[in-house]
Amino acid sequence: MAKLKRITSMEELAEEVEASSQQPLLLFKHSTRCPISSRAHREVEAYLSRTPNEAVTYGLIYVVEDKAVSNAAADRLAVKHESPQAILVTNGQAVWHRSHSDITTEALEGILAE
C-alpha cells in the first residue's frame, strides 16, 4: 500500500520535486488545525487504502508545522497556497491541483489513473 511521506525540509522538497521527472509526485498540503483539511486528509487516505497508483510518490506537508516548506512548495510550483491542497507534480511542474472540498477520492482516482 502506498503511504504519504512527510516532507519537512527544503532539501526533501527539492529532492521530491526533482524526482518527479522519473516518477510523478502528489503533494498533499494539510493543516492539522482545520476540519476541512481533516476531511480532505481522510479522502487522500481512503484513496491510498484502495488501489493507489504505485507509480506515484505521495508527499505530505503540514502547513502550520512546516510553514517554510509549504510556502516554498507554492513558490517553486507557481501554485497559489491553499490548505488543504493536492498538487500533482510531473517533471518539476504542477500539472494539476485541487483544494478544499474538491479533494476527493474520486478526483484522485481520476487524475492518478492516467
PDB file of N, CA and C in Angstrom:
ATOM      1  N   MET A   1       0.843  -1.186   0.000  1.00  0.00           N
ATOM      2  CA  MET A   1       0.000   0.000   0.000  1.00  0.00           C
ATOM      3  C   MET A   1       0.890   1.252   0.000  1.00  0.00           C
ATOM      4  N   ALA A   2       0.527   2.208  -0.791  1.00  0.00           N
ATOM      5  CA  ALA A   2       1.239   3.485  -0.851  1.00  0.00           C
ATOM      6  C   ALA A   2       0.969   4.276   0.434  1.00  0.00           C
ATOM      7  N   LYS A   3       1.941   5.066   0.836  1.00  0.00           N
ATOM      8  CA  LYS A   3       1.806   5.879   2.040  1.00  0.00           C
ATOM      9  C   LYS A   3       2.270   7.295   1.751  1.00  0.00           C
ATOM     10  N   LEU A   4       1.738   8.221   2.544  1.00  0.00           N
ATOM     11  CA  LEU A   4       2.192   9.596   2.481  1.00  0.00           C
ATOM     12  C   LEU A   4       3.540   9.709   3.187  1.00  0.00           C
ATOM     13  N   LYS A   5       4.507  10.310   2.506  1.00  0.00           N
ATOM     14  CA  LYS A   5       5.820  10.558   3.088  1.00  0.00           C
ATOM     15  C   LYS A   5       5.877  12.020   3.507  1.00  0.00           C
ATOM     16  N   ARG A   6       6.069  12.252   4.777  1.00  0.00           N
ATOM     17  CA  ARG A   6       6.120  13.626   5.262  1.00  0.00           C
ATOM     18  C   ARG A   6       7.381  14.322   4.774  1.00  0.00           C
ATOM     19  N   ILE A   7       7.198  15.533   4.280  1.00  0.00           N
ATOM     20  CA  ILE A   7       8.291  16.365   3.789  1.00  0.00           C
ATOM     21  C   ILE A   7       8.445  17.516   4.776  1.00  0.00           C
ATOM     22  N   THR A   8       9.618  17.593   5.420  1.00  0.00           N
ATOM     23  CA  THR A   8       9.808  18.564   6.494  1.00  0.00           C
ATOM     24  C   THR A   8      10.914  19.572   6.240  1.00  0.00           C
ATOM     25  N   SER A   9      11.637  19.409   5.139  1.00  0.00           N
ATOM     26  CA  SER A   9      12.749  20.333   4.887  1.00  0.00           C
ATOM     27  C   SER A   9      12.751  20.777   3.429  1.00  0.00           C
ATOM     28  N   MET A  10      13.441  21.872   3.199  1.00  0.00           N
ATOM     29  CA  MET A  10      13.593  22.391   1.837  1.00  0.00           C
ATOM     30  C   MET A  10      14.334  21.373   0.975  1.00  0.00           C
ATOM     31  N   GLU A  11      15.300  20.685   1.571  1.00  0.00           N
ATOM     32  CA  GLU A  11      16.079  19.692   0.833  1.00  0.00           C
ATOM     33  C   GLU A  11      15.193  18.534   0.377  1.00  0.00           C
ATOM     34  N   GLU A  12      14.337  18.047   1.281  1.00  0.00           N
ATOM     35  CA  GLU A  12      13.429  16.957   0.916  1.00  0.00           C
ATOM     36  C   GLU A  12      12.469  17.402  -0.178  1.00  0.00           C
ATOM     37  N   LEU A  13      11.956  18.627  -0.065  1.00  0.00           N
ATOM     38  CA  LEU A  13      11.057  19.149  -1.088  1.00  0.00           C
ATOM     39  C   LEU A  13      11.769  19.194  -2.433  1.00  0.00           C
ATOM     40  N   ALA A  14      12.973  19.730  -2.460  1.00  0.00           N
ATOM     41  CA  ALA A  14      13.732  19.820  -3.711  1.00  0.00           C
ATOM     42  C   ALA A  14      13.978  18.436  -4.295  1.00  0.00           C
ATOM     43  N   GLU A  15      14.349  17.481  -3.459  1.00  0.00           N
ATOM     44  CA  GLU A  15      14.602  16.118  -3.938  1.00  0.00           C
ATOM     45  C   GLU A  15      13.348  15.500  -4.551  1.00  0.00           C
ATOM     46  N   GLU A  16      12.223  15.649  -3.874  1.00  0.00           N
ATOM     47  CA  GLU A  16      10.982  15.046  -4.367  1.00  0.00           C
ATOM     48  C   GLU A  16      10.509  15.713  -5.661  1.00  0.00           C
ATOM     49  N   VAL A  17      10.612  17.032  -5.738  1.00  0.00           N
ATOM     50  CA  VAL A  17      10.202  17.735  -6.958  1.00  0.00           C
ATOM     51  C   VAL A  17      11.126  17.340  -8.112  1.00  0.00           C
ATOM     52  N   GLU A  18      12.417  17.260  -7.862  1.00  0.00           N
ATOM     53  CA  GLU A  18      13.351  16.848  -8.909  1.00  0.00           C
ATOM     54  C   GLU A  18      13.099  15.406  -9.339  1.00  0.00           C
ATOM     55  N   ALA A  19      12.761  14.538  -8.390  1.00  0.00           N
ATOM     56  CA  ALA A  19      12.491  13.132  -8.702  1.00  0.00           C
ATOM     57  C   ALA A  19      11.206  12.960  -9.514  1.00  0.00           C
ATOM     58  N   SER A  20      10.392  14.009  -9.579  1.00  0.00           N
ATOM     59  CA  SER A  20       9.141  13.907 -10.347  1.00  0.00           C
ATOM     60  C   SER A  20       9.396  13.792 -11.842  1.00  0.00           C
ATOM     61  N   SER A  21      10.642  13.975 -12.260  1.00  0.00           N
ATOM     62  CA  SER A  21      10.967  13.740 -13.670  1.00  0.00           C
ATOM     63  C   SER A  21      11.027  12.243 -13.953  1.00  0.00           C
ATOM     64  N   GLN A  22      11.201  11.445 -12.915  1.00  0.00           N
ATOM     65  CA  GLN A  22      11.223   9.991 -13.044  1.00  0.00           C
ATOM     66  C   GLN A  22       9.897   9.355 -12.624  1.00  0.00           C
ATOM     67  N   GLN A  23       9.260   9.945 -11.606  1.00  0.00           N
ATOM     68  CA  GLN A  23       8.022   9.394 -11.049  1.00  0.00           C
ATOM     69  C   GLN A  23       7.164  10.551 -10.559  1.00  0.00           C
ATOM     70  N   PRO A  24       5.902  10.642 -11.006  1.00  0.00           N
ATOM     71  CA  PRO A  24       5.044  11.746 -10.569  1.00  0.00           C
ATOM     72  C   PRO A  24       4.959  11.826  -9.043  1.00  0.00           C
ATOM     73  N   LEU A  25       4.723  13.029  -8.554  1.00  0.00           N
ATOM     74  CA  LEU A  25       4.609  13.313  -7.129  1.00  0.00           C
ATOM     75  C   LEU A  25       3.250  13.941  -6.856  1.00  0.00           C
ATOM     76  N   LEU A  26       2.507  13.364  -5.932  1.00  0.00           N
ATOM     77  CA  LEU A  26       1.289  14.019  -5.455  1.00  0.00           C
ATOM     78  C   LEU A  26       1.616  14.606  -4.094  1.00  0.00           C
ATOM     79  N   LEU A  27       1.591  15.925  -3.993  1.00  0.00           N
ATOM     80  CA  LEU A  27       1.816  16.614  -2.725  1.00  0.00           C
ATOM     81  C   LEU A  27       0.470  16.926  -2.091  1.00  0.00           C
ATOM     82  N   PHE A  28       0.336  16.598  -0.826  1.00  0.00           N
ATOM     83  CA  PHE A  28      -0.862  16.971  -0.081  1.00  0.00           C
ATOM     84  C   PHE A  28      -0.441  17.926   1.021  1.00  0.00           C
ATOM     85  N   LYS A  29      -0.951  19.154   0.956  1.00  0.00           N
ATOM     86  CA  LYS A  29      -0.670  20.166   1.970  1.00  0.00           C
ATOM     87  C   LYS A  29      -1.835  20.163   2.952  1.00  0.00           C
ATOM     88  N   HIS A  30      -1.514  19.904   4.224  1.00  0.00           N
ATOM     89  CA  HIS A  30      -2.522  19.630   5.239  1.00  0.00           C
ATOM     90  C   HIS A  30      -2.344  20.517   6.462  1.00  0.00           C
ATOM     91  N   SER A  31      -3.453  21.087   6.930  1.00  0.00           N
ATOM     92  CA  SER A  31      -3.461  21.832   8.181  1.00  0.00           C
ATOM     93  C   SER A  31      -4.060  20.951   9.267  1.00  0.00           C
ATOM     94  N   THR A  32      -3.278  20.695  10.296  1.00  0.00           N
ATOM     95  CA  THR A  32      -3.750  19.870  11.407  1.00  0.00           C
ATOM     96  C   THR A  32      -4.745  20.617  12.293  1.00  0.00           C
ATOM     97  N   ARG A  33      -4.994  21.877  11.994  1.00  0.00           N
ATOM     98  CA  ARG A  33      -5.902  22.705  12.796  1.00  0.00           C
ATOM     99  C   ARG A  33      -7.250  22.954  12.116  1.00  0.00           C
ATOM    100  N   CYS A  34      -7.457  22.373  10.953  1.00  0.00           N
ATOM    101  CA  CYS A  34      -8.627  22.716  10.146  1.00  0.00           C
ATOM    102  C   CYS A  34      -9.497  21.489   9.875  1.00  0.00           C
ATOM    103  N   PRO A  35     -10.789  21.543  10.217  1.00  0.00           N
ATOM    104  CA  PRO A  35     -11.655  20.396   9.961  1.00  0.00           C
ATOM    105  C   PRO A  35     -11.851  20.098   8.473  1.00  0.00           C
ATOM    106  N   ILE A  36     -11.806  21.106   7.627  1.00  0.00           N
ATOM    107  CA  ILE A  36     -11.923  20.870   6.182  1.00  0.00           C
ATOM    108  C   ILE A  36     -10.696  20.102   5.703  1.00  0.00           C
ATOM    109  N   SER A  37      -9.533  20.469   6.225  1.00  0.00           N
ATOM    110  CA  SER A  37      -8.313  19.763   5.861  1.00  0.00           C
ATOM    111  C   SER A  37      -8.347  18.329   6.387  1.00  0.00           C
ATOM    112  N   SER A  38      -8.911  18.130   7.555  1.00  0.00           N
ATOM    113  CA  SER A  38      -9.035  16.766   8.100  1.00  0.00           C
ATOM    114  C   SER A  38      -9.897  15.898   7.193  1.00  0.00           C
ATOM    115  N   ARG A  39     -10.968  16.473   6.663  1.00  0.00           N
ATOM    116  CA  ARG A  39     -11.831  15.723   5.749  1.00  0.00           C
ATOM    117  C   ARG A  39     -11.067  15.378   4.476  1.00  0.00           C
ATOM    118  N   ALA A  40     -10.329  16.345   3.937  1.00  0.00           N
ATOM    119  CA  ALA A  40      -9.542  16.096   2.726  1.00  0.00           C
ATOM    120  C   ALA A  40      -8.470  15.034   2.994  1.00  0.00           C
ATOM    121  N   HIS A  41      -7.862  15.081   4.168  1.00  0.00           N
ATOM    122  CA  HIS A  41      -6.855  14.085   4.539  1.00  0.00           C
ATOM    123  C   HIS A  41      -7.470  12.687   4.558  1.00  0.00           C
ATOM    124  N   ARG A  42      -8.694  12.572   5.071  1.00  0.00           N
ATOM    125  CA  ARG A  42      -9.395  11.275   5.063  1.00  0.00           C
ATOM    126  C   ARG A  42      -9.644  10.804   3.634  1.00  0.00           C
ATOM    127  N   GLU A  43      -9.944  11.728   2.727  1.00  0.00           N
ATOM    128  CA  GLU A  43     -10.149  11.370   1.319  1.00  0.00           C
ATOM    129  C   GLU A  43      -8.859  10.842   0.695  1.00  0.00           C
ATOM    130  N   VAL A  44      -7.741  11.499   0.989  1.00  0.00           N
ATOM    131  CA  VAL A  44      -6.443  11.048   0.461  1.00  0.00           C
ATOM    132  C   VAL A  44      -6.117   9.669   1.031  1.00  0.00           C
ATOM    133  N   GLU A  45      -6.302   9.496   2.328  1.00  0.00           N
ATOM    134  CA  GLU A  45      -6.028   8.196   2.953  1.00  0.00           C
ATOM    135  C   GLU A  45      -6.946   7.108   2.394  1.00  0.00           C
ATOM    136  N   ALA A  46      -8.199   7.454   2.117  1.00  0.00           N
ATOM    137  CA  ALA A  46      -9.120   6.482   1.521  1.00  0.00           C
ATOM    138  C   ALA A  46      -8.623   6.064   0.143  1.00  0.00           C
ATOM    139  N   TYR A  47      -8.157   7.025  -0.646  1.00  0.00           N
ATOM    140  CA  TYR A  47      -7.595   6.700  -1.957  1.00  0.00           C
ATOM    141  C   TYR A  47      -6.400   5.759  -1.793  1.00  0.00           C
ATOM    142  N   LEU A  48      -5.505   6.079  -0.867  1.00  0.00           N
ATOM    143  CA  LEU A  48      -4.306   5.271  -0.669  1.00  0.00           C
ATOM    144  C   LEU A  48      -4.620   3.872  -0.153  1.00  0.00           C
ATOM    145  N   SER A  49      -5.735   3.712   0.547  1.00  0.00           N
ATOM    146  CA  SER A  49      -6.095   2.398   1.096  1.00  0.00           C
ATOM    147  C   SER A  49      -6.769   1.493   0.072  1.00  0.00           C
ATOM    148  N   ARG A  50      -7.184   2.056  -1.036  1.00  0.00           N
ATOM    149  CA  ARG A  50      -7.844   1.263  -2.084  1.00  0.00           C
ATOM    150  C   ARG A  50      -6.784   0.675  -3.009  1.00  0.00           C
ATOM    151  N   THR A  51      -6.770   1.124  -4.216  1.00  0.00           N
ATOM    152  CA  THR A  51      -5.775   0.652  -5.180  1.00  0.00           C
ATOM    153  C   THR A  51      -5.060   1.865  -5.780  1.00  0.00           C
ATOM    154  N   PRO A  52      -4.177   2.493  -5.001  1.00  0.00           N
ATOM    155  CA  PRO A  52      -3.484   3.682  -5.489  1.00  0.00           C
ATOM    156  C   PRO A  52      -2.520   3.342  -6.613  1.00  0.00           C
ATOM    157  N   ASN A  53      -2.234   4.341  -7.405  1.00  0.00           N
ATOM    158  CA  ASN A  53      -1.241   4.201  -8.460  1.00  0.00           C
ATOM    159  C   ASN A  53       0.131   4.095  -7.799  1.00  0.00           C
ATOM    160  N   GLU A  54       0.731   2.919  -7.870  1.00  0.00           N
ATOM    161  CA  GLU A  54       2.021   2.677  -7.215  1.00  0.00           C
ATOM    162  C   GLU A  54       3.178   3.357  -7.947  1.00  0.00           C
ATOM    163  N   ALA A  55       2.912   3.899  -9.131  1.00  0.00           N
ATOM    164  CA  ALA A  55       3.943   4.602  -9.886  1.00  0.00           C
ATOM    165  C   ALA A  55       4.022   6.074  -9.504  1.00  0.00           C
ATOM    166  N   VAL A  56       3.332   6.461  -8.440  1.00  0.00           N
ATOM    167  CA  VAL A  56       3.305   7.841  -7.969  1.00  0.00           C
ATOM    168  C   VAL A  56       3.913   7.876  -6.570  1.00  0.00           C
ATOM    169  N   THR A  57       4.669   8.934  -6.281  1.00  0.00           N
ATOM    170  CA  THR A  57       5.161   9.190  -4.928  1.00  0.00           C
ATOM    171  C   THR A  57       4.138  10.096  -4.248  1.00  0.00           C
ATOM    172  N   TYR A  58       3.876   9.845  -2.984  1.00  0.00           N
ATOM    173  CA  TYR A  58       2.875  10.612  -2.240  1.00  0.00           C
ATOM    174  C   TYR A  58       3.557  11.359  -1.102  1.00  0.00           C
ATOM    175  N   GLY A  59       3.523  12.692  -1.169  1.00  0.00           N
ATOM    176  CA  GLY A  59       4.179  13.529  -0.165  1.00  0.00           C
ATOM    177  C   GLY A  59       3.173  14.303   0.659  1.00  0.00           C
ATOM    178  N   LEU A  60       3.521  14.569   1.907  1.00  0.00           N
ATOM    179  CA  LEU A  60       2.662  15.280   2.846  1.00  0.00           C
ATOM    180  C   LEU A  60       3.441  16.438   3.457  1.00  0.00           C
ATOM    181  N   ILE A  61       2.857  17.624   3.379  1.00  0.00           N
ATOM    182  CA  ILE A  61       3.438  18.802   4.020  1.00  0.00           C
ATOM    183  C   ILE A  61       2.416  19.334   5.019  1.00  0.00           C
ATOM    184  N   TYR A  62       2.839  19.453   6.288  1.00  0.00           N
ATOM    185  CA  TYR A  62       1.996  20.094   7.304  1.00  0.00           C
ATOM    186  C   TYR A  62       2.218  21.597   7.192  1.00  0.00           C
ATOM    187  N   VAL A  63       1.150  22.326   6.858  1.00  0.00           N
ATOM    188  CA  VAL A  63       1.311  23.741   6.528  1.00  0.00           C
ATOM    189  C   VAL A  63       1.611  24.621   7.740  1.00  0.00           C
ATOM    190  N   VAL A  64       1.195  24.213   8.930  1.00  0.00           N
ATOM    191  CA  VAL A  64       1.488  25.011  10.127  1.00  0.00           C
ATOM    192  C   VAL A  64       2.863  24.644  10.664  1.00  0.00           C
ATOM    193  N   GLU A  65       3.089  23.362  10.856  1.00  0.00           N
ATOM    194  CA  GLU A  65       4.336  22.895  11.448  1.00  0.00           C
ATOM    195  C   GLU A  65       5.543  23.127  10.537  1.00  0.00           C
ATOM    196  N   ASP A  66       5.335  23.055   9.237  1.00  0.00           N
ATOM    197  CA  ASP A  66       6.415  23.229   8.261  1.00  0.00           C
ATOM    198  C   ASP A  66       6.050  24.334   7.268  1.00  0.00           C
ATOM    199  N   LYS A  67       5.735  25.501   7.830  1.00  0.00           N
ATOM    200  CA  LYS A  67       5.248  26.626   7.031  1.00  0.00           C
ATOM    201  C   LYS A  67       6.224  27.042   5.929  1.00  0.00           C
ATOM    202  N   ALA A  68       7.516  27.074   6.237  1.00  0.00           N
ATOM    203  CA  ALA A  68       8.503  27.490   5.237  1.00  0.00           C
ATOM    204  C   ALA A  68       8.516  26.520   4.056  1.00  0.00           C
ATOM    205  N   VAL A  69       8.389  25.230   4.338  1.00  0.00           N
ATOM    206  CA  VAL A  69       8.364  24.221   3.268  1.00  0.00           C
ATOM    207  C   VAL A  69       7.086  24.375   2.445  1.00  0.00           C
ATOM    208  N   SER A  70       5.979  24.604   3.126  1.00  0.00           N
ATOM    209  CA  SER A  70       4.696  24.806   2.433  1.00  0.00           C
ATOM    210  C   SER A  70       4.763  26.015   1.502  1.00  0.00           C
ATOM    211  N   ASN A  71       5.306  27.113   2.004  1.00  0.00           N
ATOM    212  CA  ASN A  71       5.437  28.318   1.175  1.00  0.00           C
ATOM    213  C   ASN A  71       6.405  28.097   0.022  1.00  0.00           C
ATOM    214  N   ALA A  72       7.483  27.369   0.274  1.00  0.00           N
ATOM    215  CA  ALA A  72       8.451  27.081  -0.788  1.00  0.00           C
ATOM    216  C   ALA A  72       7.817  26.229  -1.883  1.00  0.00           C
ATOM    217  N   ALA A  73       6.963  25.295  -1.496  1.00  0.00           N
ATOM    218  CA  ALA A  73       6.278  24.473  -2.494  1.00  0.00           C
ATOM    219  C   ALA A  73       5.387  25.348  -3.369  1.00  0.00           C
ATOM    220  N   ALA A  74       4.650  26.266  -2.753  1.00  0.00           N
ATOM    221  CA  ALA A  74       3.786  27.163  -3.523  1.00  0.00           C
ATOM    222  C   ALA A  74       4.615  27.996  -4.495  1.00  0.00           C
ATOM    223  N   ASP A  75       5.713  28.547  -4.017  1.00  0.00           N
ATOM    224  CA  ASP A  75       6.572  29.376  -4.867  1.00  0.00           C
ATOM    225  C   ASP A  75       7.203  28.561  -5.985  1.00  0.00           C
ATOM    226  N   ARG A  76       7.793  27.439  -5.624  1.00  0.00           N
ATOM    227  CA  ARG A  76       8.520  26.627  -6.603  1.00  0.00           C
ATOM    228  C   ARG A  76       7.599  26.095  -7.691  1.00  0.00           C
ATOM    229  N   LEU A  77       6.357  25.727  -7.304  1.00  0.00           N
ATOM    230  CA  LEU A  77       5.418  25.128  -8.262  1.00  0.00           C
ATOM    231  C   LEU A  77       4.489  26.149  -8.896  1.00  0.00           C
ATOM    232  N   ALA A  78       4.606  27.413  -8.480  1.00  0.00           N
ATOM    233  CA  ALA A  78       3.777  28.503  -9.019  1.00  0.00           C
ATOM    234  C   ALA A  78       2.292  28.203  -8.876  1.00  0.00           C
ATOM    235  N   VAL A  79       1.938  27.695  -7.687  1.00  0.00           N
ATOM    236  CA  VAL A  79       0.543  27.400  -7.369  1.00  0.00           C
ATOM    237  C   VAL A  79       0.205  28.178  -6.102  1.00  0.00           C
ATOM    238  N   LYS A  80      -0.820  29.010  -6.174  1.00  0.00           N
ATOM    239  CA  LYS A  80      -1.227  29.800  -5.017  1.00  0.00           C
ATOM    240  C   LYS A  80      -1.478  28.878  -3.827  1.00  0.00           C
ATOM    241  N   HIS A  81      -0.925  29.240  -2.676  1.00  0.00           N
ATOM    242  CA  HIS A  81      -1.090  28.424  -1.476  1.00  0.00           C
ATOM    243  C   HIS A  81      -2.552  28.358  -1.047  1.00  0.00           C
ATOM    244  N   GLU A  82      -3.005  27.152  -0.794  1.00  0.00           N
ATOM    245  CA  GLU A  82      -4.299  26.921  -0.165  1.00  0.00           C
ATOM    246  C   GLU A  82      -4.119  25.745   0.774  1.00  0.00           C
ATOM    247  N   SER A  83      -5.042  25.603   1.694  1.00  0.00           N
ATOM    248  CA  SER A  83      -4.970  24.480   2.613  1.00  0.00           C
ATOM    249  C   SER A  83      -6.392  24.063   2.979  1.00  0.00           C
ATOM    250  N   PRO A  84      -6.678  22.809   2.758  1.00  0.00           N
ATOM    251  CA  PRO A  84      -5.863  21.744   2.211  1.00  0.00           C
ATOM    252  C   PRO A  84      -5.674  21.919   0.697  1.00  0.00           C
ATOM    253  N   GLN A  85      -4.660  21.251   0.195  1.00  0.00           N
ATOM    254  CA  GLN A  85      -4.359  21.356  -1.230  1.00  0.00           C
ATOM    255  C   GLN A  85      -3.649  20.091  -1.703  1.00  0.00           C
ATOM    256  N   ALA A  86      -4.041  19.614  -2.860  1.00  0.00           N
ATOM    257  CA  ALA A  86      -3.372  18.487  -3.512  1.00  0.00           C
ATOM    258  C   ALA A  86      -2.788  18.999  -4.820  1.00  0.00           C
ATOM    259  N   ILE A  87      -1.511  18.681  -5.051  1.00  0.00           N
ATOM    260  CA  ILE A  87      -0.805  19.153  -6.243  1.00  0.00           C
ATOM    261  C   ILE A  87      -0.105  17.958  -6.880  1.00  0.00           C
ATOM    262  N   LEU A  88      -0.387  17.727  -8.157  1.00  0.00           N
ATOM    263  CA  LEU A  88       0.306  16.684  -8.898  1.00  0.00           C
ATOM    264  C   LEU A  88       1.467  17.324  -9.647  1.00  0.00           C
ATOM    265  N   VAL A  89       2.670  16.785  -9.422  1.00  0.00           N
ATOM    266  CA  VAL A  89       3.894  17.343  -9.989  1.00  0.00           C
ATOM    267  C   VAL A  89       4.518  16.315 -10.927  1.00  0.00           C
ATOM    268  N   THR A  90       4.780  16.742 -12.145  1.00  0.00           N
ATOM    269  CA  THR A  90       5.461  15.910 -13.128  1.00  0.00           C
ATOM    270  C   THR A  90       6.550  16.756 -13.765  1.00  0.00           C
ATOM    271  N   ASN A  91       7.738  16.199 -13.894  1.00  0.00           N
ATOM    272  CA  ASN A  91       8.874  16.916 -14.475  1.00  0.00           C
ATOM    273  C   ASN A  91       9.102  18.270 -13.804  1.00  0.00           C
ATOM    274  N   GLY A  92       8.908  18.307 -12.481  1.00  0.00           N
ATOM    275  CA  GLY A  92       9.160  19.520 -11.724  1.00  0.00           C
ATOM    276  C   GLY A  92       8.109  20.593 -11.840  1.00  0.00           C
ATOM    277  N   GLN A  93       6.996  20.305 -12.522  1.00  0.00           N
ATOM    278  CA  GLN A  93       5.945  21.294 -12.759  1.00  0.00           C
ATOM    279  C   GLN A  93       4.609  20.809 -12.200  1.00  0.00           C
ATOM    280  N   ALA A  94       3.828  21.731 -11.641  1.00  0.00           N
ATOM    281  CA  ALA A  94       2.475  21.394 -11.211  1.00  0.00           C
ATOM    282  C   ALA A  94       1.617  21.214 -12.458  1.00  0.00           C
ATOM    283  N   VAL A  95       1.007  20.052 -12.592  1.00  0.00           N
ATOM    284  CA  VAL A  95       0.178  19.778 -13.765  1.00  0.00           C
ATOM    285  C   VAL A  95      -1.303  19.685 -13.408  1.00  0.00           C
ATOM    286  N   TRP A  96      -1.603  19.675 -12.109  1.00  0.00           N
ATOM    287  CA  TRP A  96      -2.991  19.575 -11.637  1.00  0.00           C
ATOM    288  C   TRP A  96      -2.983  19.956 -10.167  1.00  0.00           C
ATOM    289  N   HIS A  97      -4.027  20.647  -9.721  1.00  0.00           N
ATOM    290  CA  HIS A  97      -4.157  20.908  -8.284  1.00  0.00           C
ATOM    291  C   HIS A  97      -5.618  21.151  -7.932  1.00  0.00           C
ATOM    292  N   ARG A  98      -5.940  20.796  -6.705  1.00  0.00           N
ATOM    293  CA  ARG A  98      -7.282  20.988  -6.161  1.00  0.00           C
ATOM    294  C   ARG A  98      -7.140  21.403  -4.705  1.00  0.00           C
ATOM    295  N   SER A  99      -8.190  22.032  -4.187  1.00  0.00           N
ATOM    296  CA  SER A  99      -8.165  22.408  -2.780  1.00  0.00           C
ATOM    297  C   SER A  99      -9.538  22.189  -2.154  1.00  0.00           C
ATOM    298  N   HIS A 100      -9.539  22.236  -0.863  1.00  0.00           N
ATOM    299  CA  HIS A 100     -10.739  22.144  -0.040  1.00  0.00           C
ATOM    300  C   HIS A 100     -11.610  20.946  -0.420  1.00  0.00           C
ATOM    301  N   SER A 101     -12.890  21.167  -0.652  1.00  0.00           N
ATOM    302  CA  SER A 101     -13.820  20.047  -0.898  1.00  0.00           C
ATOM    303  C   SER A 101     -13.643  19.417  -2.282  1.00  0.00           C
ATOM    304  N   ASP A 102     -12.790  19.991  -3.115  1.00  0.00           N
ATOM    305  CA  ASP A 102     -12.508  19.379  -4.422  1.00  0.00           C
ATOM    306  C   ASP A 102     -11.503  18.238  -4.314  1.00  0.00           C
ATOM    307  N   ILE A 103     -10.929  18.036  -3.132  1.00  0.00           N
ATOM    308  CA  ILE A 103     -10.020  16.914  -2.903  1.00  0.00           C
ATOM    309  C   ILE A 103     -10.872  15.728  -2.461  1.00  0.00           C
ATOM    310  N   THR A 104     -11.130  14.844  -3.403  1.00  0.00           N
ATOM    311  CA  THR A 104     -11.945  13.663  -3.117  1.00  0.00           C
ATOM    312  C   THR A 104     -11.223  12.415  -3.616  1.00  0.00           C
ATOM    313  N   THR A 105     -11.624  11.290  -3.063  1.00  0.00           N
ATOM    314  CA  THR A 105     -11.072  10.017  -3.517  1.00  0.00           C
ATOM    315  C   THR A 105     -11.302   9.857  -5.010  1.00  0.00           C
ATOM    316  N   GLU A 106     -12.480  10.228  -5.475  1.00  0.00           N
ATOM    317  CA  GLU A 106     -12.820  10.089  -6.889  1.00  0.00           C
ATOM    318  C   GLU A 106     -11.960  10.992  -7.764  1.00  0.00           C
ATOM    319  N   ALA A 107     -11.715  12.217  -7.320  1.00  0.00           N
ATOM    320  CA  ALA A 107     -10.857  13.126  -8.095  1.00  0.00           C
ATOM    321  C   ALA A 107      -9.443  12.568  -8.196  1.00  0.00           C
ATOM    322  N   LEU A 108      -8.946  12.023  -7.088  1.00  0.00           N
ATOM    323  CA  LEU A 108      -7.600  11.443  -7.100  1.00  0.00           C
ATOM    324  C   LEU A 108      -7.546  10.210  -7.993  1.00  0.00           C
ATOM    325  N   GLU A 109      -8.562   9.366  -7.906  1.00  0.00           N
ATOM    326  CA  GLU A 109      -8.606   8.189  -8.776  1.00  0.00           C
ATOM    327  C   GLU A 109      -8.610   8.614 -10.239  1.00  0.00           C
ATOM    328  N   GLY A 110      -9.356   9.643 -10.562  1.00  0.00           N
ATOM    329  CA  GLY A 110      -9.448  10.105 -11.951  1.00  0.00           C
ATOM    330  C   GLY A 110      -8.124  10.617 -12.486  1.00  0.00           C
ATOM    331  N   ILE A 111      -7.462  11.492 -11.740  1.00  0.00           N
ATOM    332  CA  ILE A 111      -6.227  12.100 -12.250  1.00  0.00           C
ATOM    333  C   ILE A 111      -5.052  11.137 -12.160  1.00  0.00           C
ATOM    334  N   LEU A 112      -5.035  10.273 -11.171  1.00  0.00           N
ATOM    335  CA  LEU A 112      -3.881   9.392 -10.980  1.00  0.00           C
ATOM    336  C   LEU A 112      -3.987   8.087 -11.752  1.00  0.00           C
ATOM    337  N   ALA A 113      -5.127   7.861 -12.384  1.00  0.00           N
ATOM    338  CA  ALA A 113      -5.271   6.668 -13.223  1.00  0.00           C
ATOM    339  C   ALA A 113      -4.607   6.880 -14.580  1.00  0.00           C
ATOM    340  N   GLU A 114      -4.361   8.132 -14.944  1.00  0.00           N
ATOM    341  CA  GLU A 114      -3.793   8.460 -16.257  1.00  0.00           C
ATOM    342  C   GLU A 114      -2.350   8.054 -16.374  1.00  0.00           C
TER     343      GLU A 114
END
